Protein backbone atom coordinates (compact mmCIF):
# COMPACT_ATOMS: atom_id res chain seq x y z
CA UNK A 1 -1.84 -79.70 49.45
CA UNK A 2 -0.80 -83.12 48.28
CA UNK A 3 -0.76 -84.24 44.69
CA UNK A 4 -0.77 -87.91 45.67
CA UNK A 5 -1.69 -90.06 48.69
CA UNK A 6 2.02 -90.55 49.42
CA UNK A 7 3.36 -88.50 52.34
CA UNK A 8 6.93 -87.41 51.79
CA UNK A 9 9.37 -87.53 54.69
CA UNK A 10 12.40 -85.82 53.14
CA UNK A 11 13.34 -83.51 50.28
CA UNK A 12 14.59 -86.47 48.26
CA UNK A 13 11.14 -88.06 48.53
CA UNK A 14 9.52 -84.89 47.21
CA UNK A 15 11.81 -84.98 44.19
CA UNK A 16 11.56 -88.71 43.54
CA UNK A 17 7.89 -89.34 44.31
CA UNK A 18 6.15 -86.80 42.12
CA UNK A 19 5.30 -87.20 38.48
CA UNK A 20 7.97 -85.28 36.55
CA UNK A 21 5.41 -83.39 34.46
CA UNK A 22 3.41 -82.40 37.53
CA UNK A 23 6.59 -81.29 39.31
CA UNK A 24 7.52 -79.08 36.37
CA UNK A 25 4.03 -77.64 36.08
CA UNK A 26 3.93 -76.77 39.78
CA UNK A 27 7.49 -75.48 40.23
CA UNK A 28 8.49 -74.34 36.75
CA UNK A 29 11.58 -76.55 37.05
CA UNK A 30 12.34 -79.94 35.63
CA UNK A 31 13.25 -82.63 38.15
CA UNK A 32 16.78 -82.62 36.67
CA UNK A 33 17.04 -78.84 37.12
CA UNK A 34 15.84 -79.12 40.72
CA UNK A 35 18.38 -81.86 41.46
CA UNK A 36 21.15 -79.74 39.94
CA UNK A 37 20.16 -76.68 41.97
CA UNK A 38 19.94 -78.82 45.10
CA UNK A 39 23.39 -80.32 44.42
CA UNK A 40 24.78 -76.80 44.03
CA UNK A 41 23.51 -75.99 47.52
CA UNK A 42 20.72 -73.62 46.52
CA UNK A 43 18.32 -75.47 48.82
CA UNK A 44 19.17 -76.27 52.41
CA UNK A 45 18.09 -79.92 52.39
CA UNK A 46 18.44 -80.30 56.15
CA UNK A 47 16.20 -77.30 56.78
CA UNK A 48 13.66 -78.48 54.20
CA UNK A 49 13.67 -82.01 55.66
CA UNK A 50 12.98 -80.53 59.09
CA UNK A 51 10.09 -78.47 57.70
CA UNK A 52 8.62 -81.57 56.03
CA UNK A 53 8.95 -83.50 59.32
CA UNK A 54 7.31 -80.69 61.30
CA UNK A 55 4.42 -80.49 58.84
CA UNK A 56 3.94 -84.24 59.01
CA UNK A 57 3.83 -84.07 62.83
CA UNK A 58 1.33 -81.20 62.70
CA UNK A 59 -0.82 -83.09 60.23
CA UNK A 60 -0.80 -86.23 62.39
CA UNK A 61 -1.84 -84.35 65.56
């Protein structure tokens, strides 16, 4: 499900492209909290970027 017409290509796009209030409502985290957790290595950005890329390829097929 997409909240906007924009199609993210990387984790950083997910963080930067969404409305901060919507992001918090959906995840329970503020964008700042998510960035902090990502910087601490809680999320494997490379793995998440790959998953986003694979989904985008599946969607395009």
